[in-house]
Amino acid sequence: MLAALVGYAYRIGADENGLGARLGPLVVTAVLARVDAGGERLLKRRLPRKIRADLADSKQLVSHGDVALGEAWARVLAGDDAGSPARLFERLSLESGTELRHPCPEHVAEQCWSPSQESFSAPAELVQRLGGHRAELARRGVEIVRACSSVVCTRRLNDKKSLGQNRFIADLHSMERLVLELRREAGQDVMAVCGKVGGMGDYSRFFGPLGGWLHAVMEQGRARSAYRFPGLGELHFVRDADGCDPLVMLASLVGKWVRELLMSRVSRYYTPDAEPDQQPSGYHDPLTARFVEATSLVRSRRRIPDVCFERAGARDE
């Protein structure tokens, strides 16, 4: 009804990266778009072929060590004048640098937050092409307004786990914070689609930032759980949303670049001369396992607490 009155509505797509990792942060990213009636129709069907080649399920388009496409989308959405990956990350981050570093012992902060040796990898031609895609989406009624990422570092994940909050709850609460932030920017109710959080069906019991909000359950099931919040809009958690919702796809692509950027900082802190194909992904794979073992002595010498390096219980997953 609101869209019919003002001629447009606001849509959000949100997804996570790094939920099941062993090392590195959990990154949750959301994309806000203003859409008209034509844009609503576009988001419900397959995108044009040229755009679809660069905007689809992120698992099909990028991988560890090859996230240039995610970087290029981040540069197109947050401004290609950022000048450096660190500056681009600052523009995307929901949290300030001070907030991100708050739980870090002073001698540990460099492990996660040093931007040394960073540079962009996406070629100018790719950034230009994606800029054309963004313009074409706007012409068809989908105007991308903002991309925003929330980062939950290993220390915070471990602290939450010690309080009985697992990584799925951390993921959900980050999604809630992002939706609230983008709702404020939109200035009107939003329609938010988020990737399903674990195997949850009933989200009401686990809401954090939205825990005190009056809301109505629209549906709850394995494939979709949806809620209506007066003064906020609708929040839908959809299984495999990163394969069917263009805004969720976009959020996932940007989020993969953010997580890769932050994981590479951890890698360089211990192995500054490692070739890109020898840098660990942080997931449960042989290279990451070798990295954990190989850095054991240096971590002890540098007094790096285990809670700042590896997720509790990750070895057993």
Protein backbone atom coordinates (compact mmCIF):
# COMPACT_ATOMS: atom_id res chain seq x y z
CA MET A 1 0.00 0.00 0.00
CA LEU A 2 2.79 2.42 0.92
CA ALA A 3 4.58 1.77 -2.37
CA ALA A 4 1.40 2.55 -4.27
CA LEU A 5 1.05 5.87 -2.45
CA VAL A 6 4.63 7.15 -2.87
CA GLY A 7 5.54 5.37 -6.10
CA TYR A 8 8.35 3.29 -4.67
CA ALA A 9 9.25 0.99 -1.79
CA TYR A 10 12.46 0.01 -0.05
CA ARG A 11 13.86 -3.52 -0.26
CA ILE A 12 16.72 -5.06 1.72
CA GLY A 13 18.69 -8.21 0.98
CA ALA A 14 20.98 -9.63 3.69
CA ASP A 15 23.27 -12.64 4.00
CA GLU A 16 26.21 -13.97 6.02
CA ASN A 17 29.73 -15.08 5.18
CA GLY A 18 31.95 -17.11 7.48
CA LEU A 19 29.26 -18.65 9.67
CA GLY A 20 30.86 -22.11 9.61
CA ALA A 21 34.49 -21.01 9.58
CA ARG A 22 37.24 -22.06 11.99
CA LEU A 23 39.22 -18.81 11.86
CA GLY A 24 38.33 -15.22 11.01
CA PRO A 25 35.21 -13.16 11.51
CA LEU A 26 31.56 -13.68 10.81
CA VAL A 27 30.51 -11.04 8.29
CA VAL A 28 26.86 -10.12 7.72
CA THR A 29 26.06 -7.77 4.84
CA ALA A 30 22.88 -6.03 3.76
CA VAL A 31 22.00 -4.06 0.63
CA LEU A 32 19.28 -1.40 0.55
CA ALA A 33 17.46 -0.56 -2.69
CA ARG A 34 14.67 1.80 -3.60
CA VAL A 35 12.34 0.14 -6.11
CA ASP A 36 9.33 1.17 -8.15
CA ALA A 37 6.67 -1.15 -9.57
CA GLY A 38 8.90 -2.14 -12.47
CA GLY A 39 11.74 -2.83 -10.09
CA GLU A 40 9.52 -5.07 -7.96
CA ARG A 41 8.74 -7.14 -11.03
CA LEU A 42 12.41 -7.29 -12.02
CA LEU A 43 13.46 -8.64 -8.62
CA LYS A 44 10.91 -11.46 -8.89
CA ARG A 45 12.21 -12.88 -12.15
CA ARG A 46 15.55 -13.73 -13.73
CA LEU A 47 17.81 -10.77 -14.26
CA PRO A 48 18.93 -9.82 -17.78
CA ARG A 49 21.63 -12.17 -19.04
CA LYS A 50 24.46 -9.60 -19.01
CA ILE A 51 23.77 -8.67 -15.40
CA ARG A 52 23.22 -12.29 -14.40
CA ALA A 53 26.75 -13.15 -15.50
CA ASP A 54 28.07 -10.91 -12.69
CA LEU A 55 25.21 -11.12 -10.19
CA ALA A 56 24.13 -14.60 -9.16
CA ASP A 57 24.75 -17.10 -6.36
CA SER A 58 28.12 -16.03 -4.94
CA LYS A 59 29.20 -19.66 -4.55
CA GLN A 60 29.19 -19.90 -8.35
CA LEU A 61 31.01 -16.62 -9.01
CA VAL A 62 33.73 -16.21 -6.39
CA SER A 63 35.92 -18.43 -4.24
CA HIS A 64 38.72 -18.19 -1.71
CA GLY A 65 41.58 -16.36 -3.37
CA ASP A 66 39.41 -15.06 -6.19
CA VAL A 67 37.00 -12.43 -4.88
CA ALA A 68 37.72 -9.70 -7.43
CA LEU A 69 34.05 -9.67 -8.43
CA GLY A 70 32.99 -9.06 -4.82
CA GLU A 71 35.59 -6.31 -4.50
CA ALA A 72 34.39 -4.67 -7.71
CA TRP A 73 30.78 -4.69 -6.53
CA ALA A 74 31.89 -3.19 -3.19
CA ARG A 75 33.73 -0.42 -5.04
CA VAL A 76 30.74 0.29 -7.28
CA LEU A 77 28.31 0.42 -4.35
CA ALA A 78 30.46 2.26 -1.78
CA GLY A 79 32.42 4.53 -4.12
CA ASP A 80 35.37 3.76 -6.38
CA ASP A 81 37.18 6.80 -4.99
CA ALA A 82 37.90 5.05 -1.70
CA GLY A 83 41.54 4.74 -2.70
CA SER A 84 42.38 1.63 -0.66
CA PRO A 85 40.75 -1.56 0.62
CA ALA A 86 40.97 -0.22 4.18
CA ARG A 87 39.10 2.95 3.28
CA LEU A 88 36.51 0.97 1.32
CA PHE A 89 35.96 -1.31 4.30
CA GLU A 90 35.47 1.72 6.55
CA ARG A 91 32.72 2.95 4.23
CA LEU A 92 30.97 -0.42 4.29
CA SER A 93 31.33 -1.19 7.98
CA LEU A 94 28.36 -0.69 10.28
CA GLU A 95 30.74 -0.53 13.22
CA SER A 96 33.40 2.15 13.67
CA GLY A 97 37.06 1.21 13.86
CA THR A 98 37.03 2.01 17.58
CA GLU A 99 34.09 -0.32 18.16
CA LEU A 100 35.68 -3.13 16.16
CA ARG A 101 38.92 -2.88 18.12
CA HIS A 102 37.28 -2.47 21.53
CA PRO A 103 37.68 -6.09 22.73
CA CYS A 104 41.27 -6.37 21.43
CA PRO A 105 44.24 -6.38 23.81
CA GLU A 106 46.57 -3.69 22.50
CA HIS A 107 49.26 -6.16 21.41
CA VAL A 108 46.70 -8.29 19.50
CA ALA A 109 44.93 -5.63 17.43
CA GLU A 110 47.45 -5.80 14.58
CA GLN A 111 46.57 -9.46 13.96
CA CYS A 112 43.09 -8.54 12.72
CA TRP A 113 43.13 -4.88 11.77
CA SER A 114 46.46 -4.03 10.12
CA PRO A 115 45.96 -2.95 6.47
CA SER A 116 49.62 -3.34 5.49
CA GLN A 117 50.36 -4.72 2.01
CA GLU A 118 46.72 -4.38 0.89
CA SER A 119 45.77 -3.33 -2.61
CA PHE A 120 42.82 -3.67 -4.95
CA SER A 121 42.81 -6.59 -7.37
CA ALA A 122 39.72 -6.00 -9.51
CA PRO A 123 40.62 -4.57 -12.94
CA ALA A 124 39.19 -1.21 -13.96
CA GLU A 125 37.26 -2.87 -16.81
CA LEU A 126 35.36 -5.04 -14.33
CA VAL A 127 34.50 -2.11 -12.07
CA GLN A 128 33.30 -0.15 -15.09
CA ARG A 129 31.14 -3.05 -16.27
CA LEU A 130 29.50 -3.44 -12.87
CA GLY A 131 28.91 0.30 -12.77
CA GLY A 132 26.97 -0.19 -15.99
CA HIS A 133 24.95 -2.98 -14.36
CA ARG A 134 24.08 -0.70 -11.44
CA ALA A 135 22.93 2.01 -13.85
CA GLU A 136 20.85 -0.50 -15.80
CA LEU A 137 19.19 -1.78 -12.63
CA ALA A 138 18.34 1.81 -11.70
CA ARG A 139 16.90 2.41 -15.16
CA ARG A 140 14.69 -0.63 -14.65
CA GLY A 141 13.49 0.57 -11.25
CA VAL A 142 16.00 -0.87 -8.75
CA GLU A 143 18.16 1.93 -7.34
CA ILE A 144 20.86 0.60 -5.01
CA VAL A 145 21.11 3.02 -2.09
CA ARG A 146 23.66 1.46 0.25
CA ALA A 147 25.64 -1.66 1.11
CA CYS A 148 26.61 -2.20 4.75
CA SER A 149 28.50 -4.95 6.58
CA SER A 150 28.58 -5.93 10.26
CA VAL A 151 31.64 -7.81 11.53
CA VAL A 152 31.68 -10.15 14.52
CA CYS A 153 35.31 -11.04 15.24
CA THR A 154 36.53 -14.34 16.67
CA ARG A 155 36.90 -12.86 20.16
CA ARG A 156 33.31 -11.61 20.19
CA LEU A 157 32.04 -14.96 18.86
CA ASN A 158 33.88 -16.79 21.64
CA ASP A 159 32.64 -14.34 24.27
CA LYS A 160 29.07 -14.83 23.05
CA LYS A 161 29.47 -18.60 23.12
CA SER A 162 30.65 -18.46 26.73
CA LEU A 163 27.37 -16.67 27.51
CA GLY A 164 25.31 -19.35 25.76
CA GLN A 165 24.85 -17.53 22.44
CA ASN A 166 25.99 -19.60 19.48
CA ARG A 167 27.13 -18.30 16.09
CA PHE A 168 23.61 -18.59 14.66
CA ILE A 169 22.34 -16.12 17.26
CA ALA A 170 25.26 -13.79 16.48
CA ASP A 171 24.31 -13.99 12.78
CA LEU A 172 20.65 -13.24 13.50
CA HIS A 173 21.40 -10.28 15.76
CA SER A 174 23.75 -8.76 13.18
CA MET A 175 21.02 -9.06 10.55
CA GLU A 176 18.61 -7.30 12.91
CA ARG A 177 21.05 -4.43 13.51
CA LEU A 178 21.61 -3.98 9.79
CA VAL A 179 17.89 -3.95 9.03
CA LEU A 180 17.31 -1.35 11.74
CA GLU A 181 20.15 0.82 10.40
CA LEU A 182 18.89 0.66 6.81
CA ARG A 183 15.28 1.25 7.93
CA ARG A 184 16.45 4.51 9.51
CA GLU A 185 18.17 5.47 6.26
CA ALA A 186 15.10 4.61 4.18
CA GLY A 187 12.80 6.70 6.33
CA GLN A 188 9.88 4.36 5.74
CA ASP A 189 8.96 0.72 6.24
CA VAL A 190 11.09 -1.84 4.40
CA MET A 191 10.73 -5.33 3.00
CA ALA A 192 13.82 -7.31 4.11
CA VAL A 193 14.81 -10.73 2.81
CA CYS A 194 17.55 -12.53 4.74
CA GLY A 195 19.22 -15.86 4.21
CA LYS A 196 17.90 -18.53 6.58
CA VAL A 197 19.84 -18.63 9.85
CA GLY A 198 20.76 -22.25 10.52
CA GLY A 199 17.73 -24.51 10.79
CA MET A 200 15.62 -22.02 12.73
CA GLY A 201 11.90 -21.99 12.16
CA ASP A 202 10.71 -19.84 15.07
CA TYR A 203 12.84 -16.70 15.16
CA SER A 204 10.69 -14.82 17.68
CA ARG A 205 12.33 -16.61 20.61
CA PHE A 206 15.81 -15.50 19.55
CA PHE A 207 15.41 -11.88 18.45
CA GLY A 208 17.93 -9.54 20.08
CA PRO A 209 17.82 -5.93 18.84
CA LEU A 210 14.22 -6.58 17.75
CA GLY A 211 13.33 -8.54 20.88
CA GLY A 212 11.30 -5.71 22.37
CA TRP A 213 9.41 -4.91 19.19
CA LEU A 214 5.76 -5.78 18.76
CA HIS A 215 5.43 -8.07 15.76
CA ALA A 216 3.08 -10.50 14.07
CA VAL A 217 4.06 -13.92 12.74
CA MET A 218 3.20 -14.17 9.06
CA GLU A 219 4.53 -17.71 8.59
CA GLN A 220 7.11 -20.06 10.09
CA GLY A 221 8.51 -23.08 8.33
CA ARG A 222 11.59 -24.81 7.01
CA ALA A 223 11.67 -22.83 3.76
CA ARG A 224 10.54 -19.41 5.01
CA SER A 225 9.80 -17.60 8.27
CA ALA A 226 8.28 -14.13 8.02
CA TYR A 227 7.34 -11.40 10.49
CA ARG A 228 5.64 -8.01 10.32
CA PHE A 229 6.89 -5.22 12.60
CA PRO A 230 4.85 -2.01 12.93
CA GLY A 231 7.16 0.91 12.19
CA LEU A 232 9.78 -1.33 10.58
CA GLY A 233 8.13 -3.40 7.86
CA GLU A 234 8.51 -7.08 7.02
CA LEU A 235 11.41 -9.40 7.78
CA HIS A 236 11.60 -12.67 5.82
CA PHE A 237 14.15 -15.44 6.40
CA VAL A 238 14.32 -17.52 3.23
CA ARG A 239 16.15 -20.76 2.55
CA ASP A 240 18.63 -20.49 -0.36
CA ALA A 241 17.86 -16.78 -0.71
CA ASP A 242 21.39 -16.22 -2.05
CA GLY A 243 20.40 -18.22 -5.12
CA CYS A 244 17.11 -16.50 -5.91
CA ASP A 245 16.99 -12.93 -4.54
CA PRO A 246 19.24 -10.44 -6.40
CA LEU A 247 19.75 -8.17 -3.40
CA VAL A 248 20.75 -11.12 -1.21
CA MET A 249 23.12 -12.24 -3.98
CA LEU A 250 24.66 -8.79 -4.02
CA ALA A 251 25.02 -8.75 -0.23
CA SER A 252 26.73 -12.15 -0.32
CA LEU A 253 29.20 -11.07 -3.01
CA VAL A 254 30.21 -7.94 -1.12
CA GLY A 255 30.39 -9.90 2.14
CA LYS A 256 32.71 -12.49 0.64
CA TRP A 257 35.16 -9.73 -0.25
CA VAL A 258 34.95 -8.22 3.25
CA ARG A 259 35.60 -11.56 4.93
CA GLU A 260 38.47 -12.39 2.54
CA LEU A 261 40.02 -8.99 3.25
CA LEU A 262 39.88 -9.50 7.02
CA MET A 263 41.04 -13.13 6.88
CA SER A 264 44.01 -12.12 4.71
CA ARG A 265 45.09 -9.70 7.46
CA VAL A 266 45.29 -12.59 9.91
CA SER A 267 47.27 -14.63 7.40
CA ARG A 268 49.76 -11.85 6.63
CA TYR A 269 50.34 -11.17 10.33
CA TYR A 270 51.91 -14.62 10.64
CA THR A 271 53.11 -15.37 7.09
CA PRO A 272 53.69 -12.01 5.36
CA ASP A 273 55.53 -13.56 2.42
CA ALA A 274 53.04 -16.33 1.65
CA GLU A 275 51.75 -16.50 -1.91
CA PRO A 276 48.00 -15.93 -2.31
CA ASP A 277 47.35 -19.62 -2.97
CA GLN A 278 49.07 -20.45 0.32
CA GLN A 279 46.94 -18.16 2.45
CA PRO A 280 44.34 -20.03 4.54
CA SER A 281 40.64 -19.59 3.90
CA GLY A 282 39.86 -19.94 7.61
CA TYR A 283 37.40 -22.76 6.91
CA HIS A 284 37.74 -26.46 7.74
CA ASP A 285 40.30 -27.47 5.14
CA PRO A 286 43.85 -28.91 5.20
CA LEU A 287 45.60 -25.59 4.45
CA THR A 288 43.83 -23.88 7.35
CA ALA A 289 44.65 -26.81 9.66
CA ARG A 290 48.33 -26.57 8.71
CA PHE A 291 48.26 -22.80 9.29
CA VAL A 292 46.87 -23.30 12.80
CA GLU A 293 49.61 -25.80 13.65
CA ALA A 294 52.41 -23.82 12.00
CA THR A 295 51.58 -20.63 13.90
CA SER A 296 51.31 -22.23 17.32
CA LEU A 297 54.77 -21.22 18.57
CA VAL A 298 54.70 -17.67 17.23
CA ARG A 299 51.25 -17.14 18.73
CA SER A 300 52.61 -18.25 22.09
CA ARG A 301 55.62 -15.92 21.79
CA ARG A 302 53.42 -12.99 20.81
CA ARG A 303 50.97 -13.80 23.62
CA ILE A 304 47.98 -14.12 21.28
CA PRO A 305 45.06 -15.47 23.31
CA ASP A 306 43.38 -18.52 21.78
CA VAL A 307 40.01 -16.72 22.04
CA CYS A 308 41.31 -14.07 19.62
CA PHE A 309 42.55 -16.61 17.08
CA GLU A 310 40.32 -19.68 16.80
CA ARG A 311 36.64 -20.23 17.44
CA ALA A 312 35.93 -22.32 20.50
CA GLY A 313 35.00 -25.89 19.57
CA ALA A 314 35.90 -25.34 15.91
CA ARG A 315 38.36 -28.25 15.83
CA ASP A 316 35.49 -30.64 16.60
CA GLU A 317 33.10 -29.35 13.92
